[in-house]
Amino acid sequence: MNRVFSASTRAAVRAQRTAPGQVAAVRFASRYKEQYYVDPEPQIGDYPNLPHKFAEDRPQRGWWDRQNRRNFGEPVHEQDEILNMMAPTQYRSPGWKQVGKMWAGVIATIGSVYYLIANVRAERPYLRAFYPNGLKEELGGVPARTLADAVEEASS
């Protein structure tokens, strides 16, 4: 038999059931639950149905347990091993607009570097050598060997 109560009614009922030292934790849990609405989960019973929020997304300071970013007596999430600080880091990818701007920046940078290299490059301090008949006469008149010449020489 599931009854739907408001968060303040549930907190009052829980405060009556708990010991006096745990009332602060129950109050924090009820405030945390009021902040984020989560659809009711019928299988967890009267355990608080906390939102699926990563501990990494919480602020860094202001927690009783600074390593796990939790307060004393705060209810543990049903999937704590997935949501706690020891879980793998959640990487958020930027939107397509930002990715497009990044690509435009990369292309503009490469283009500007190419332009600078092509147009600001200093002239060569020498003249290139020019051989009207190629290097045949310059190297002593020996004709270039071909593959056919090498095969003929090897077979004889």
Protein backbone atom coordinates (compact mmCIF):
# COMPACT_ATOMS: atom_id res chain seq x y z
CA MET A 1 0.00 0.00 0.00
CA ASN A 2 1.81 3.10 -1.26
CA ARG A 3 0.62 6.45 -0.01
CA VAL A 4 1.82 9.72 -1.44
CA PHE A 5 2.78 12.24 1.24
CA SER A 6 4.38 15.64 0.91
CA ALA A 7 8.06 15.92 1.74
CA SER A 8 7.40 17.80 4.98
CA THR A 9 4.98 15.07 6.19
CA ARG A 10 7.48 12.36 5.38
CA ALA A 11 10.23 14.26 7.19
CA ALA A 12 8.04 14.65 10.27
CA VAL A 13 7.22 10.93 10.31
CA ARG A 14 10.89 10.04 9.91
CA ALA A 15 11.90 12.45 12.67
CA GLN A 16 9.49 10.69 15.05
CA ARG A 17 10.98 7.29 14.17
CA THR A 18 14.64 8.28 14.49
CA ALA A 19 16.81 8.97 17.50
CA PRO A 20 17.41 12.63 18.54
CA GLY A 21 21.00 12.59 17.18
CA GLN A 22 19.82 11.63 13.70
CA VAL A 23 17.20 14.35 13.30
CA ALA A 24 19.68 16.76 11.65
CA ALA A 25 20.59 14.16 9.06
CA VAL A 26 16.91 13.49 8.33
CA ARG A 27 16.26 17.22 7.96
CA PHE A 28 19.15 17.53 5.51
CA ALA A 29 17.89 14.52 3.57
CA SER A 30 14.40 15.98 3.34
CA ARG A 31 15.76 19.34 2.14
CA TYR A 32 17.96 17.56 -0.40
CA LYS A 33 14.96 15.59 -1.57
CA GLU A 34 12.76 18.68 -1.82
CA GLN A 35 15.36 20.38 -4.01
CA TYR A 36 15.27 17.76 -6.76
CA TYR A 37 12.11 15.97 -7.79
CA VAL A 38 12.58 12.33 -8.65
CA ASP A 39 9.85 9.98 -9.82
CA PRO A 40 8.84 7.53 -7.09
CA GLU A 41 10.54 4.14 -7.24
CA PRO A 42 8.23 1.40 -5.89
CA GLN A 43 10.99 -1.17 -5.32
CA ILE A 44 13.07 0.74 -2.75
CA GLY A 45 10.27 1.05 -0.21
CA ASP A 46 10.62 3.87 2.30
CA TYR A 47 14.30 4.49 1.50
CA PRO A 48 14.75 8.01 0.10
CA ASN A 49 14.72 8.12 -3.69
CA LEU A 50 17.64 10.47 -4.27
CA PRO A 51 18.40 12.14 -7.60
CA HIS A 52 21.01 10.62 -9.92
CA LYS A 53 23.69 13.27 -9.27
CA PHE A 54 27.41 12.57 -9.38
CA ALA A 55 29.43 13.51 -6.28
CA GLU A 56 31.92 15.11 -8.64
CA ASP A 57 29.28 17.72 -9.55
CA ARG A 58 28.92 18.86 -5.93
CA PRO A 59 30.90 21.85 -4.65
CA GLN A 60 34.38 21.07 -3.35
CA ARG A 61 34.09 22.65 0.09
CA GLY A 62 31.55 22.52 2.90
CA TRP A 63 31.28 18.78 3.51
CA TRP A 64 31.85 16.74 6.65
CA ASP A 65 33.58 14.04 4.57
CA ARG A 66 35.66 16.13 2.18
CA GLN A 67 36.97 13.21 0.16
CA ASN A 68 33.57 11.80 -0.78
CA ARG A 69 31.71 15.14 -0.58
CA ARG A 70 29.09 13.92 1.90
CA ASN A 71 27.75 15.13 5.23
CA PHE A 72 27.45 13.03 8.38
CA GLY A 73 24.24 11.03 8.37
CA GLU A 74 23.38 11.85 4.78
CA PRO A 75 21.60 8.92 3.14
CA VAL A 76 23.72 6.94 0.71
CA HIS A 77 22.41 6.72 -2.83
CA GLU A 78 21.17 3.37 -4.04
CA GLN A 79 23.86 3.40 -6.78
CA ASP A 80 26.61 4.97 -4.68
CA GLU A 81 29.38 2.91 -6.28
CA ILE A 82 28.55 4.56 -9.63
CA LEU A 83 27.97 8.09 -8.31
CA ASN A 84 30.68 8.51 -5.64
CA MET A 85 34.04 10.23 -6.00
CA MET A 86 35.90 6.97 -6.66
CA ALA A 87 33.90 6.32 -9.84
CA PRO A 88 35.48 7.13 -13.21
CA THR A 89 35.49 10.81 -14.11
CA GLN A 90 32.51 12.02 -16.09
CA TYR A 91 33.69 13.87 -19.18
CA ARG A 92 31.25 16.27 -20.71
CA SER A 93 31.66 16.95 -24.40
CA PRO A 94 31.07 20.50 -25.61
CA GLY A 95 28.14 21.36 -27.84
CA TRP A 96 28.33 21.40 -31.63
CA LYS A 97 28.51 25.18 -31.71
CA GLN A 98 31.63 25.18 -29.56
CA VAL A 99 33.17 22.30 -31.52
CA GLY A 100 32.58 24.23 -34.75
CA LYS A 101 34.33 27.27 -33.28
CA MET A 102 37.27 25.10 -32.24
CA TRP A 103 37.61 23.61 -35.74
CA ALA A 104 37.38 27.07 -37.31
CA GLY A 105 40.18 28.19 -34.99
CA VAL A 106 42.37 25.23 -35.93
CA ILE A 107 41.85 25.77 -39.65
CA ALA A 108 42.48 29.53 -39.32
CA THR A 109 45.68 28.88 -37.37
CA ILE A 110 47.00 26.38 -39.92
CA GLY A 111 46.09 28.72 -42.79
CA SER A 112 47.77 31.72 -41.21
CA VAL A 113 50.96 29.75 -40.49
CA TYR A 114 51.01 28.50 -44.10
CA TYR A 115 50.50 32.07 -45.38
CA LEU A 116 53.32 33.40 -43.18
CA ILE A 117 55.73 30.68 -44.27
CA ALA A 118 54.88 31.10 -47.96
CA ASN A 119 55.05 34.92 -48.09
CA VAL A 120 57.55 35.95 -45.44
CA ARG A 121 60.23 33.38 -46.29
CA ALA A 122 63.60 34.93 -47.11
CA GLU A 123 65.14 34.53 -50.55
CA ARG A 124 67.94 32.01 -51.08
CA PRO A 125 71.41 33.53 -50.80
CA TYR A 126 72.64 31.54 -53.82
CA LEU A 127 71.60 30.74 -57.37
CA ARG A 128 70.56 27.27 -58.34
CA ALA A 129 72.89 25.44 -60.68
CA PHE A 130 71.63 25.07 -64.22
CA TYR A 131 72.85 22.23 -66.46
CA PRO A 132 71.57 22.59 -70.05
CA ASN A 133 72.36 18.96 -70.99
CA GLY A 134 71.63 17.54 -67.60
CA LEU A 135 74.32 15.98 -65.41
CA LYS A 136 75.55 13.58 -68.12
CA GLU A 137 78.41 15.78 -69.30
CA GLU A 138 79.04 17.31 -65.90
CA LEU A 139 79.72 13.90 -64.37
CA GLY A 140 82.16 12.78 -67.05
CA GLY A 141 79.91 11.75 -69.90
CA VAL A 142 78.92 8.36 -68.47
CA PRO A 143 75.39 7.57 -69.61
CA ALA A 144 72.88 6.60 -66.96
CA ARG A 145 72.57 2.85 -66.47
CA THR A 146 69.22 1.28 -67.04
CA LEU A 147 67.81 -1.98 -65.72
CA ALA A 148 68.30 -3.58 -69.15
CA ASP A 149 72.00 -2.67 -69.09
CA ALA A 150 72.43 -4.19 -65.64
CA VAL A 151 70.70 -7.44 -66.69
CA GLU A 152 72.78 -7.69 -69.87
CA GLU A 153 76.02 -7.14 -67.95
CA ALA A 154 75.08 -9.70 -65.31
CA SER A 155 74.11 -12.37 -67.85
CA SER A 156 77.38 -12.15 -69.82
